[in-house]
Amino acid sequence: MTKLLSVLALSTLFLLAILSIDKKNAPNEETAEKWHKDPENWKLWMFYFNPKDKRLLPPKRVKGMGWTVNFGNPYSILALAGLLAVIFALEYFL
Protein backbone atom coordinates (compact mmCIF):
# COMPACT_ATOMS: atom_id res chain seq x y z
CA MET A 1 0.00 0.00 0.00
CA THR A 2 2.85 2.40 0.74
CA LYS A 3 4.30 1.73 -2.72
CA LEU A 4 0.98 2.73 -4.27
CA LEU A 5 0.87 5.96 -2.28
CA SER A 6 4.46 6.76 -3.22
CA VAL A 7 3.76 6.19 -6.91
CA LEU A 8 0.60 8.31 -6.76
CA ALA A 9 2.34 11.13 -4.89
CA LEU A 10 5.31 11.24 -7.24
CA SER A 11 3.13 11.01 -10.33
CA THR A 12 0.89 13.80 -9.06
CA LEU A 13 3.86 16.05 -8.33
CA PHE A 14 5.30 15.28 -11.75
CA LEU A 15 2.06 16.14 -13.54
CA LEU A 16 1.58 19.33 -11.51
CA ALA A 17 5.10 20.47 -12.40
CA ILE A 18 4.47 19.81 -16.07
CA LEU A 19 1.14 21.66 -15.96
CA SER A 20 2.72 24.68 -14.25
CA ILE A 21 5.15 24.95 -17.18
CA ASP A 22 2.16 24.85 -19.54
CA LYS A 23 0.45 27.86 -17.97
CA LYS A 24 3.57 30.01 -18.17
CA ASN A 25 3.96 29.46 -21.91
CA ALA A 26 0.39 30.04 -23.09
CA PRO A 27 0.25 32.07 -26.32
CA ASN A 28 -2.08 35.01 -26.77
CA GLU A 29 -5.53 34.19 -28.12
CA GLU A 30 -4.83 35.44 -31.66
CA THR A 31 -1.68 33.32 -32.03
CA ALA A 32 -3.37 30.27 -30.53
CA GLU A 33 -6.27 30.60 -32.98
CA LYS A 34 -3.87 31.01 -35.93
CA TRP A 35 -1.98 27.85 -34.93
CA HIS A 36 -5.21 25.95 -34.37
CA LYS A 37 -6.55 26.77 -37.84
CA ASP A 38 -3.29 25.97 -39.66
CA PRO A 39 -3.70 22.55 -41.34
CA GLU A 40 0.09 22.06 -41.26
CA ASN A 41 -0.16 21.67 -37.46
CA TRP A 42 -2.57 18.72 -37.75
CA LYS A 43 -1.19 15.35 -38.80
CA LEU A 44 -3.74 12.85 -40.12
CA TRP A 45 -6.39 15.47 -39.24
CA MET A 46 -6.33 14.60 -35.55
CA PHE A 47 -2.77 14.70 -34.14
CA TYR A 48 -1.62 18.19 -33.17
CA PHE A 49 2.09 18.76 -33.85
CA ASN A 50 3.39 22.30 -33.37
CA PRO A 51 6.86 22.76 -31.82
CA LYS A 52 6.26 26.53 -31.54
CA ASP A 53 3.23 25.96 -29.29
CA LYS A 54 4.39 25.39 -25.73
CA ARG A 55 0.98 24.28 -24.44
CA LEU A 56 0.75 20.67 -23.36
CA LEU A 57 -2.94 20.26 -24.03
CA PRO A 58 -4.33 22.50 -26.77
CA PRO A 59 -8.00 22.16 -27.78
CA LYS A 60 -8.95 19.40 -30.20
CA ARG A 61 -9.56 20.25 -33.82
CA VAL A 62 -13.29 20.43 -33.13
CA LYS A 63 -13.37 22.86 -30.21
CA GLY A 64 -15.64 21.88 -27.36
CA MET A 65 -14.67 18.22 -27.71
CA GLY A 66 -11.88 18.44 -25.15
CA TRP A 67 -8.12 18.66 -25.47
CA THR A 68 -5.40 16.82 -27.33
CA VAL A 69 -1.69 16.29 -26.78
CA ASN A 70 0.73 18.60 -28.58
CA PHE A 71 3.14 16.02 -29.98
CA GLY A 72 5.50 18.82 -31.02
CA ASN A 73 6.21 19.67 -27.40
CA PRO A 74 8.49 17.17 -25.60
CA TYR A 75 6.91 18.04 -22.26
CA SER A 76 3.55 16.91 -23.65
CA ILE A 77 4.99 13.53 -24.43
CA LEU A 78 6.46 13.35 -20.91
CA ALA A 79 3.09 14.29 -19.42
CA LEU A 80 1.37 11.61 -21.51
CA ALA A 81 3.98 9.06 -20.40
CA GLY A 82 3.45 10.13 -16.79
CA LEU A 83 -0.29 9.72 -17.11
CA LEU A 84 0.15 6.28 -18.63
CA ALA A 85 2.54 5.41 -15.79
CA VAL A 86 -0.09 6.42 -13.23
CA ILE A 87 -2.71 4.31 -14.97
CA PHE A 88 -0.32 1.36 -15.15
CA ALA A 89 0.65 1.79 -11.49
CA LEU A 90 -2.97 1.89 -10.41
CA GLU A 91 -3.72 -1.24 -12.40
CA TYR A 92 -0.61 -3.02 -11.15
CA PHE A 93 -0.94 -2.12 -7.47
CA LEU A 94 -4.68 -2.46 -7.16
PDB file of N, CA and C in Angstrom:
ATOM      1  N   MET A   1       0.813  -1.199   0.000  1.00  0.00           N
ATOM      2  CA  MET A   1       0.000   0.000   0.000  1.00  0.00           C
ATOM      3  C   MET A   1       0.858   1.266   0.000  1.00  0.00           C
ATOM      4  N   THR A   2       1.995   1.218   0.712  1.00  0.00           N
ATOM      5  CA  THR A   2       2.851   2.397   0.739  1.00  0.00           C
ATOM      6  C   THR A   2       3.498   2.637  -0.621  1.00  0.00           C
ATOM      7  N   LYS A   3       3.750   1.556  -1.377  1.00  0.00           N
ATOM      8  CA  LYS A   3       4.296   1.727  -2.722  1.00  0.00           C
ATOM      9  C   LYS A   3       3.294   2.461  -3.602  1.00  0.00           C
ATOM     10  N   LEU A   4       2.031   2.089  -3.478  1.00  0.00           N
ATOM     11  CA  LEU A   4       0.981   2.731  -4.268  1.00  0.00           C
ATOM     12  C   LEU A   4       0.895   4.217  -3.950  1.00  0.00           C
ATOM     13  N   LEU A   5       0.928   4.558  -2.672  1.00  0.00           N
ATOM     14  CA  LEU A   5       0.868   5.963  -2.276  1.00  0.00           C
ATOM     15  C   LEU A   5       2.090   6.736  -2.767  1.00  0.00           C
ATOM     16  N   SER A   6       3.242   6.103  -2.730  1.00  0.00           N
ATOM     17  CA  SER A   6       4.455   6.756  -3.223  1.00  0.00           C
ATOM     18  C   SER A   6       4.364   7.020  -4.719  1.00  0.00           C
ATOM     19  N   VAL A   7       3.897   6.025  -5.462  1.00  0.00           N
ATOM     20  CA  VAL A   7       3.757   6.192  -6.908  1.00  0.00           C
ATOM     21  C   VAL A   7       2.751   7.285  -7.218  1.00  0.00           C
ATOM     22  N   LEU A   8       1.624   7.286  -6.531  1.00  0.00           N
ATOM     23  CA  LEU A   8       0.605   8.309  -6.764  1.00  0.00           C
ATOM     24  C   LEU A   8       1.116   9.704  -6.415  1.00  0.00           C
ATOM     25  N   ALA A   9       1.819   9.822  -5.301  1.00  0.00           N
ATOM     26  CA  ALA A   9       2.336  11.130  -4.886  1.00  0.00           C
ATOM     27  C   ALA A   9       3.368  11.651  -5.883  1.00  0.00           C
ATOM     28  N   LEU A  10       4.296  10.804  -6.293  1.00  0.00           N
ATOM     29  CA  LEU A  10       5.314  11.237  -7.241  1.00  0.00           C
ATOM     30  C   LEU A  10       4.712  11.555  -8.603  1.00  0.00           C
ATOM     31  N   SER A  11       3.768  10.752  -9.041  1.00  0.00           N
ATOM     32  CA  SER A  11       3.133  11.015 -10.332  1.00  0.00           C
ATOM     33  C   SER A  11       2.338  12.312 -10.302  1.00  0.00           C
ATOM     34  N   THR A  12       1.660  12.568  -9.200  1.00  0.00           N
ATOM     35  CA  THR A  12       0.890  13.795  -9.062  1.00  0.00           C
ATOM     36  C   THR A  12       1.811  15.013  -9.072  1.00  0.00           C
ATOM     37  N   LEU A  13       2.903  14.943  -8.336  1.00  0.00           N
ATOM     38  CA  LEU A  13       3.859  16.053  -8.326  1.00  0.00           C
ATOM     39  C   LEU A  13       4.460  16.273  -9.718  1.00  0.00           C
ATOM     40  N   PHE A  14       4.760  15.186 -10.402  1.00  0.00           N
ATOM     41  CA  PHE A  14       5.298  15.281 -11.753  1.00  0.00           C
ATOM     42  C   PHE A  14       4.315  15.971 -12.684  1.00  0.00           C
ATOM     43  N   LEU A  15       3.072  15.549 -12.660  1.00  0.00           N
ATOM     44  CA  LEU A  15       2.062  16.141 -13.535  1.00  0.00           C
ATOM     45  C   LEU A  15       1.792  17.601 -13.184  1.00  0.00           C
ATOM     46  N   LEU A  16       1.781  17.933 -11.909  1.00  0.00           N
ATOM     47  CA  LEU A  16       1.578  19.333 -11.506  1.00  0.00           C
ATOM     48  C   LEU A  16       2.735  20.219 -11.979  1.00  0.00           C
ATOM     49  N   ALA A  17       3.952  19.697 -11.912  1.00  0.00           N
ATOM     50  CA  ALA A  17       5.097  20.469 -12.397  1.00  0.00           C
ATOM     51  C   ALA A  17       4.994  20.696 -13.901  1.00  0.00           C
ATOM     52  N   ILE A  18       4.612  19.676 -14.626  1.00  0.00           N
ATOM     53  CA  ILE A  18       4.466  19.809 -16.071  1.00  0.00           C
ATOM     54  C   ILE A  18       3.357  20.801 -16.401  1.00  0.00           C
ATOM     55  N   LEU A  19       2.242  20.744 -15.694  1.00  0.00           N
ATOM     56  CA  LEU A  19       1.136  21.663 -15.962  1.00  0.00           C
ATOM     57  C   LEU A  19       1.479  23.109 -15.603  1.00  0.00           C
ATOM     58  N   SER A  20       2.326  23.315 -14.594  1.00  0.00           N
ATOM     59  CA  SER A  20       2.718  24.685 -14.253  1.00  0.00           C
ATOM     60  C   SER A  20       3.569  25.289 -15.369  1.00  0.00           C
ATOM     61  N   ILE A  21       4.374  24.474 -16.035  1.00  0.00           N
ATOM     62  CA  ILE A  21       5.146  24.949 -17.183  1.00  0.00           C
ATOM     63  C   ILE A  21       4.196  25.357 -18.299  1.00  0.00           C
ATOM     64  N   ASP A  22       3.131  24.589 -18.486  1.00  0.00           N
ATOM     65  CA  ASP A  22       2.157  24.845 -19.542  1.00  0.00           C
ATOM     66  C   ASP A  22       1.506  26.213 -19.394  1.00  0.00           C
ATOM     67  N   LYS A  23       1.131  26.588 -18.188  1.00  0.00           N
ATOM     68  CA  LYS A  23       0.445  27.863 -17.971  1.00  0.00           C
ATOM     69  C   LYS A  23       1.355  29.059 -18.228  1.00  0.00           C
ATOM     70  N   LYS A  24       2.633  28.902 -17.979  1.00  0.00           N
ATOM     71  CA  LYS A  24       3.567  30.010 -18.168  1.00  0.00           C
ATOM     72  C   LYS A  24       3.803  30.312 -19.644  1.00  0.00           C
ATOM     73  N   ASN A  25       3.620  29.319 -20.487  1.00  0.00           N
ATOM     74  CA  ASN A  25       3.962  29.462 -21.905  1.00  0.00           C
ATOM     75  C   ASN A  25       2.749  29.584 -22.814  1.00  0.00           C
ATOM     76  N   ALA A  26       1.607  29.936 -22.277  1.00  0.00           N
ATOM     77  CA  ALA A  26       0.394  30.036 -23.092  1.00  0.00           C
ATOM     78  C   ALA A  26       0.513  31.212 -24.067  1.00  0.00           C
ATOM     79  N   PRO A  27       0.188  30.981 -25.340  1.00  0.00           N
ATOM     80  CA  PRO A  27       0.247  32.071 -26.320  1.00  0.00           C
ATOM     81  C   PRO A  27      -0.970  32.983 -26.175  1.00  0.00           C
ATOM     82  N   ASN A  28      -0.900  34.157 -26.816  1.00  0.00           N
ATOM     83  CA  ASN A  28      -2.082  35.011 -26.773  1.00  0.00           C
ATOM     84  C   ASN A  28      -3.173  34.362 -27.630  1.00  0.00           C
ATOM     85  N   GLU A  29      -4.381  34.833 -27.475  1.00  0.00           N
ATOM     86  CA  GLU A  29      -5.532  34.189 -28.118  1.00  0.00           C
ATOM     87  C   GLU A  29      -5.437  34.215 -29.647  1.00  0.00           C
ATOM     88  N   GLU A  30      -4.941  35.319 -30.203  1.00  0.00           N
ATOM     89  CA  GLU A  30      -4.827  35.441 -31.658  1.00  0.00           C
ATOM     90  C   GLU A  30      -3.832  34.425 -32.230  1.00  0.00           C
ATOM     91  N   THR A  31      -2.688  34.284 -31.576  1.00  0.00           N
ATOM     92  CA  THR A  31      -1.681  33.323 -32.029  1.00  0.00           C
ATOM     93  C   THR A  31      -2.190  31.894 -31.873  1.00  0.00           C
ATOM     94  N   ALA A  32      -2.828  31.612 -30.753  1.00  0.00           N
ATOM     95  CA  ALA A  32      -3.365  30.268 -30.526  1.00  0.00           C
ATOM     96  C   ALA A  32      -4.399  29.904 -31.591  1.00  0.00           C
ATOM     97  N   GLU A  33      -5.248  30.855 -31.956  1.00  0.00           N
ATOM     98  CA  GLU A  33      -6.269  30.604 -32.981  1.00  0.00           C
ATOM     99  C   GLU A  33      -5.619  30.383 -34.349  1.00  0.00           C
ATOM    100  N   LYS A  34      -4.588  31.163 -34.660  1.00  0.00           N
ATOM    101  CA  LYS A  34      -3.868  31.014 -35.934  1.00  0.00           C
ATOM    102  C   LYS A  34      -3.242  29.626 -36.022  1.00  0.00           C
ATOM    103  N   TRP A  35      -2.591  29.178 -34.946  1.00  0.00           N
ATOM    104  CA  TRP A  35      -1.980  27.851 -34.929  1.00  0.00           C
ATOM    105  C   TRP A  35      -3.038  26.759 -35.048  1.00  0.00           C
ATOM    106  N   HIS A  36      -4.155  26.964 -34.374  1.00  0.00           N
ATOM    107  CA  HIS A  36      -5.214  25.947 -34.371  1.00  0.00           C
ATOM    108  C   HIS A  36      -5.810  25.764 -35.763  1.00  0.00           C
ATOM    109  N   LYS A  37      -5.942  26.840 -36.508  1.00  0.00           N
ATOM    110  CA  LYS A  37      -6.551  26.769 -37.837  1.00  0.00           C
ATOM    111  C   LYS A  37      -5.580  26.319 -38.926  1.00  0.00           C
ATOM    112  N   ASP A  38      -4.289  26.336 -38.656  1.00  0.00           N
ATOM    113  CA  ASP A  38      -3.294  25.974 -39.660  1.00  0.00           C
ATOM    114  C   ASP A  38      -3.292  24.459 -39.888  1.00  0.00           C
ATOM    115  N   PRO A  39      -3.646  23.994 -41.093  1.00  0.00           N
ATOM    116  CA  PRO A  39      -3.699  22.549 -41.339  1.00  0.00           C
ATOM    117  C   PRO A  39      -2.329  21.871 -41.265  1.00  0.00           C
ATOM    118  N   GLU A  40      -1.249  22.638 -41.379  1.00  0.00           N
ATOM    119  CA  GLU A  40       0.095  22.061 -41.257  1.00  0.00           C
ATOM    120  C   GLU A  40       0.382  21.561 -39.837  1.00  0.00           C
ATOM    121  N   ASN A  41      -0.359  22.081 -38.851  1.00  0.00           N
ATOM    122  CA  ASN A  41      -0.163  21.673 -37.463  1.00  0.00           C
ATOM    123  C   ASN A  41      -0.960  20.425 -37.097  1.00  0.00           C
ATOM    124  N   TRP A  42      -1.742  19.905 -38.004  1.00  0.00           N
ATOM    125  CA  TRP A  42      -2.567  18.720 -37.745  1.00  0.00           C
ATOM    126  C   TRP A  42      -2.104  17.582 -38.650  1.00  0.00           C
ATOM    127  N   LYS A  43      -1.635  16.528 -38.059  1.00  0.00           N
ATOM    128  CA  LYS A  43      -1.191  15.350 -38.803  1.00  0.00           C
ATOM    129  C   LYS A  43      -2.325  14.323 -38.792  1.00  0.00           C
ATOM    130  N   LEU A  44      -2.634  13.795 -39.962  1.00  0.00           N
ATOM    131  CA  LEU A  44      -3.745  12.845 -40.124  1.00  0.00           C
ATOM    132  C   LEU A  44      -5.051  13.416 -39.579  1.00  0.00           C
ATOM    133  N   TRP A  45      -5.201  14.711 -39.647  1.00  0.00           N
ATOM    134  CA  TRP A  45      -6.387  15.474 -39.244  1.00  0.00           C
ATOM    135  C   TRP A  45      -6.722  15.419 -37.754  1.00  0.00           C
ATOM    136  N   MET A  46      -5.951  14.680 -36.961  1.00  0.00           N
ATOM    137  CA  MET A  46      -6.329  14.596 -35.553  1.00  0.00           C
ATOM    138  C   MET A  46      -5.162  14.694 -34.569  1.00  0.00           C
ATOM    139  N   PHE A  47      -3.924  14.610 -35.030  1.00  0.00           N
ATOM    140  CA  PHE A  47      -2.772  14.703 -34.144  1.00  0.00           C
ATOM    141  C   PHE A  47      -2.154  16.088 -34.278  1.00  0.00           C
ATOM    142  N   TYR A  48      -2.156  16.823 -33.178  1.00  0.00           N
ATOM    143  CA  TYR A  48      -1.617  18.195 -33.174  1.00  0.00           C
ATOM    144  C   TYR A  48      -0.115  18.128 -32.986  1.00  0.00           C
ATOM    145  N   PHE A  49       0.631  18.744 -33.897  1.00  0.00           N
ATOM    146  CA  PHE A  49       2.095  18.764 -33.848  1.00  0.00           C
ATOM    147  C   PHE A  49       2.567  20.164 -34.196  1.00  0.00           C
ATOM    148  N   ASN A  50       2.923  20.939 -33.172  1.00  0.00           N
ATOM    149  CA  ASN A  50       3.394  22.301 -33.369  1.00  0.00           C
ATOM    150  C   ASN A  50       4.498  22.595 -32.345  1.00  0.00           C
ATOM    151  N   PRO A  51       5.761  22.497 -32.748  1.00  0.00           N
ATOM    152  CA  PRO A  51       6.861  22.759 -31.818  1.00  0.00           C
ATOM    153  C   PRO A  51       6.886  24.191 -31.281  1.00  0.00           C
ATOM    154  N   LYS A  52       6.295  25.143 -32.013  1.00  0.00           N
ATOM    155  CA  LYS A  52       6.259  26.531 -31.537  1.00  0.00           C
ATOM    156  C   LYS A  52       5.284  26.714 -30.386  1.00  0.00           C
ATOM    157  N   ASP A  53       4.264  25.877 -30.332  1.00  0.00           N
ATOM    158  CA  ASP A  53       3.230  25.960 -29.291  1.00  0.00           C
ATOM    159  C   ASP A  53       3.726  25.240 -28.052  1.00  0.00           C
ATOM    160  N   LYS A  54       3.862  25.966 -26.971  1.00  0.00           N
ATOM    161  CA  LYS A  54       4.390  25.388 -25.734  1.00  0.00           C
ATOM    162  C   LYS A  54       3.312  24.802 -24.834  1.00  0.00           C
ATOM    163  N   ARG A  55       2.049  24.871 -25.256  1.00  0.00           N
ATOM    164  CA  ARG A  55       0.982  24.280 -24.443  1.00  0.00           C
ATOM    165  C   ARG A  55       1.071  22.759 -24.509  1.00  0.00           C
ATOM    166  N   LEU A  56       0.766  22.127 -23.393  1.00  0.00           N
ATOM    167  CA  LEU A  56       0.751  20.669 -23.357  1.00  0.00           C
ATOM    168  C   LEU A  56      -0.535  20.117 -23.948  1.00  0.00           C
ATOM    169  N   LEU A  57      -1.636  20.759 -23.632  1.00  0.00           N
ATOM    170  CA  LEU A  57      -2.940  20.261 -24.032  1.00  0.00           C
ATOM    171  C   LEU A  57      -3.742  21.345 -24.745  1.00  0.00           C
ATOM    172  N   PRO A  58      -3.509  21.541 -26.016  1.00  0.00           N
ATOM    173  CA  PRO A  58      -4.330  22.496 -26.774  1.00  0.00           C
ATOM    174  C   PRO A  58      -5.703  21.891 -27.071  1.00  0.00           C
ATOM    175  N   PRO A  59      -6.671  22.706 -27.466  1.00  0.00           N
ATOM    176  CA  PRO A  59      -7.996  22.157 -27.782  1.00  0.00           C
ATOM    177  C   PRO A  59      -7.941  21.251 -29.013  1.00  0.00           C
ATOM    178  N   LYS A  60      -8.857  20.290 -29.036  1.00  0.00           N
ATOM    179  CA  LYS A  60      -8.949  19.404 -30.197  1.00  0.00           C
ATOM    180  C   LYS A  60      -9.340  20.198 -31.429  1.00  0.00           C
ATOM    181  N   ARG A  61      -9.259  19.565 -32.565  1.00  0.00           N
ATOM    182  CA  ARG A  61      -9.557  20.245 -33.821  1.00  0.00           C
ATOM    183  C   ARG A  61     -10.988  20.759 -33.836  1.00  0.00           C
ATOM    184  N   VAL A  62     -11.908  19.977 -33.295  1.00  0.00           N
ATOM    185  CA  VAL A  62     -13.288  20.432 -33.126  1.00  0.00           C
ATOM    186  C   VAL A  62     -13.377  20.945 -31.687  1.00  0.00           C
ATOM    187  N   LYS A  63     -13.368  22.268 -31.551  1.00  0.00           N
ATOM    188  CA  LYS A  63     -13.370  22.856 -30.207  1.00  0.00           C
ATOM    189  C   LYS A  63     -14.635  22.446 -29.468  1.00  0.00           C
ATOM    190  N   GLY A  64     -14.517  22.318 -28.173  1.00  0.00           N
ATOM    191  CA  GLY A  64     -15.644  21.884 -27.361  1.00  0.00           C
ATOM    192  C   GLY A  64     -15.652  20.381 -27.148  1.00  0.00           C
ATOM    193  N   MET A  65     -14.753  19.674 -27.843  1.00  0.00           N
ATOM    194  CA  MET A  65     -14.672  18.221 -27.707  1.00  0.00           C
ATOM    195  C   MET A  65     -13.535  17.810 -26.771  1.00  0.00           C
ATOM    196  N   GLY A  66     -12.950  18.766 -26.084  1.00  0.00           N
ATOM    197  CA  GLY A  66     -11.879  18.443 -25.146  1.00  0.00           C
ATOM    198  C   GLY A  66     -10.532  18.933 -25.633  1.00  0.00           C
ATOM    199  N   TRP A  67      -9.483  18.266 -25.161  1.00  0.00           N
ATOM    200  CA  TRP A  67      -8.116  18.662 -25.474  1.00  0.00           C
ATOM    201  C   TRP A  67      -7.366  17.497 -26.088  1.00  0.00           C
ATOM    202  N   THR A  68      -6.280  17.827 -26.739  1.00  0.00           N
ATOM    203  CA  THR A  68      -5.404  16.821 -27.330  1.00  0.00           C
ATOM    204  C   THR A  68      -3.978  17.083 -26.878  1.00  0.00           C
ATOM    205  N   VAL A  69      -3.102  16.152 -27.138  1.00  0.00           N
ATOM    206  CA  VAL A  69      -1.691  16.288 -26.783  1.00  0.00           C
ATOM    207  C   VAL A  69      -0.965  16.995 -27.923  1.00  0.00           C
ATOM    208  N   ASN A  70      -0.108  17.935 -27.587  1.00  0.00           N
ATOM    209  CA  ASN A  70       0.732  18.598 -28.579  1.00  0.00           C
ATOM    210  C   ASN A  70       1.992  17.744 -28.748  1.00  0.00           C
ATOM    211  N   PHE A  71       2.011  16.924 -29.775  1.00  0.00           N
ATOM    212  CA  PHE A  71       3.136  16.016 -29.985  1.00  0.00           C
ATOM    213  C   PHE A  71       4.408  16.743 -30.421  1.00  0.00           C
ATOM    214  N   GLY A  72       4.328  18.023 -30.697  1.00  0.00           N
ATOM    215  CA  GLY A  72       5.501  18.816 -31.024  1.00  0.00           C
ATOM    216  C   GLY A  72       6.227  19.340 -29.794  1.00  0.00           C
ATOM    217  N   ASN A  73       5.629  19.194 -28.646  1.00  0.00           N
ATOM    218  CA  ASN A  73       6.209  19.668 -27.398  1.00  0.00           C
ATOM    219  C   ASN A  73       6.698  18.452 -26.597  1.00  0.00           C
ATOM    220  N   PRO A  74       7.999  18.342 -26.330  1.00  0.00           N
ATOM    221  CA  PRO A  74       8.495  17.166 -25.605  1.00  0.00           C
ATOM    222  C   PRO A  74       7.900  17.026 -24.212  1.00  0.00           C
ATOM    223  N   TYR A  75       7.527  18.129 -23.579  1.00  0.00           N
ATOM    224  CA  TYR A  75       6.907  18.041 -22.264  1.00  0.00           C
ATOM    225  C   TYR A  75       5.524  17.390 -22.343  1.00  0.00           C
ATOM    226  N   SER A  76       4.847  17.561 -23.461  1.00  0.00           N
ATOM    227  CA  SER A  76       3.546  16.914 -23.648  1.00  0.00           C
ATOM    228  C   SER A  76       3.710  15.406 -23.670  1.00  0.00           C
ATOM    229  N   ILE A  77       4.749  14.969 -24.351  1.00  0.00           N
ATOM    230  CA  ILE A  77       4.993  13.525 -24.430  1.00  0.00           C
ATOM    231  C   ILE A  77       5.364  12.994 -23.051  1.00  0.00           C
ATOM    232  N   LEU A  78       6.135  13.764 -22.279  1.00  0.00           N
ATOM    233  CA  LEU A  78       6.459  13.349 -20.908  1.00  0.00           C
ATOM    234  C   LEU A  78       5.207  13.295 -20.040  1.00  0.00           C
ATOM    235  N   ALA A  79       4.331  14.280 -20.198  1.00  0.00           N
ATOM    236  CA  ALA A  79       3.091  14.286 -19.421  1.00  0.00           C
ATOM    237  C   ALA A  79       2.217  13.093 -19.792  1.00  0.00           C
ATOM    238  N   LEU A  80       2.142  12.774 -21.075  1.00  0.00           N
ATOM    239  CA  LEU A  80       1.375  11.612 -21.511  1.00  0.00           C
ATOM    240  C   LEU A  80       1.983  10.331 -20.943  1.00  0.00           C
ATOM    241  N   ALA A  81       3.305  10.228 -20.980  1.00  0.00           N
ATOM    242  CA  ALA A  81       3.976   9.057 -20.404  1.00  0.00           C
ATOM    243  C   ALA A  81       3.721   8.978 -18.902  1.00  0.00           C
ATOM    244  N   GLY A  82       3.742  10.124 -18.220  1.00  0.00           N
ATOM    245  CA  GLY A  82       3.447  10.134 -16.786  1.00  0.00           C
ATOM    246  C   GLY A  82       2.036   9.687 -16.484  1.00  0.00           C
ATOM    247  N   LEU A  83       1.097  10.141 -17.292  1.00  0.00           N
ATOM    248  CA  LEU A  83      -0.286   9.725 -17.105  1.00  0.00           C
ATOM    249  C   LEU A  83      -0.440   8.221 -17.331  1.00  0.00           C
ATOM    250  N   LEU A  84       0.196   7.721 -18.376  1.00  0.00           N
ATOM    251  CA  LEU A  84       0.147   6.278 -18.628  1.00  0.00           C
ATOM    252  C   LEU A  84       0.812   5.492 -17.499  1.00  0.00           C
ATOM    253  N   ALA A  85       1.885   6.055 -16.925  1.00  0.00           N
ATOM    254  CA  ALA A  85       2.544   5.407 -15.792  1.00  0.00           C
ATOM    255  C   ALA A  85       1.619   5.350 -14.577  1.00  0.00           C
ATOM    256  N   VAL A  86       0.867   6.417 -14.344  1.00  0.00           N
ATOM    257  CA  VAL A  86      -0.086   6.423 -13.232  1.00  0.00           C
ATOM    258  C   VAL A  86      -1.161   5.367 -13.456  1.00  0.00           C
ATOM    259  N   ILE A  87      -1.683   5.310 -14.673  1.00  0.00           N
ATOM    260  CA  ILE A  87      -2.714   4.313 -14.972  1.00  0.00           C
ATOM    261  C   ILE A  87      -2.157   2.901 -14.798  1.00  0.00           C
ATOM    262  N   PHE A  88      -0.942   2.664 -15.309  1.00  0.00           N
ATOM    263  CA  PHE A  88      -0.317   1.360 -15.153  1.00  0.00           C
ATOM    264  C   PHE A  88      -0.097   1.038 -13.685  1.00  0.00           C
ATOM    265  N   ALA A  89       0.395   2.010 -12.922  1.00  0.00           N
ATOM    266  CA  ALA A  89       0.652   1.787 -11.493  1.00  0.00           C
ATOM    267  C   ALA A  89      -0.634   1.461 -10.749  1.00  0.00           C
ATOM    268  N   LEU A  90      -1.695   2.178 -11.070  1.00  0.00           N
ATOM    269  CA  LEU A  90      -2.971   1.889 -10.408  1.00  0.00           C
ATOM    270  C   LEU A  90      -3.448   0.482 -10.744  1.00  0.00           C
ATOM    271  N   GLU A  91      -3.316   0.097 -12.001  1.00  0.00           N
ATOM    272  CA  GLU A  91      -3.723  -1.243 -12.400  1.00  0.00           C
ATOM    273  C   GLU A  91      -2.840  -2.311 -11.757  1.00  0.00           C
ATOM    274  N   TYR A  92      -1.557  -2.049 -11.701  1.00  0.00           N
ATOM    275  CA  TYR A  92      -0.608  -3.023 -11.154  1.00  0.00           C
ATOM    276  C   TYR A  92      -0.746  -3.173  -9.647  1.00  0.00           C
ATOM    277  N   PHE A  93      -0.904  -2.074  -8.928  1.00  0.00           N
ATOM    278  CA  PHE A  93      -0.938  -2.124  -7.469  1.00  0.00           C
ATOM    279  C   PHE A  93      -2.320  -2.397  -6.903  1.00  0.00           C
ATOM    280  N   LEU A  94      -3.341  -2.184  -7.669  1.00  0.00           N
ATOM    281  CA  LEU A  94      -4.679  -2.461  -7.159  1.00  0.00           C
ATOM    282  C   LEU A  94      -5.147  -3.717  -7.750  1.00  0.00           C
TER     283      LEU A  94
END
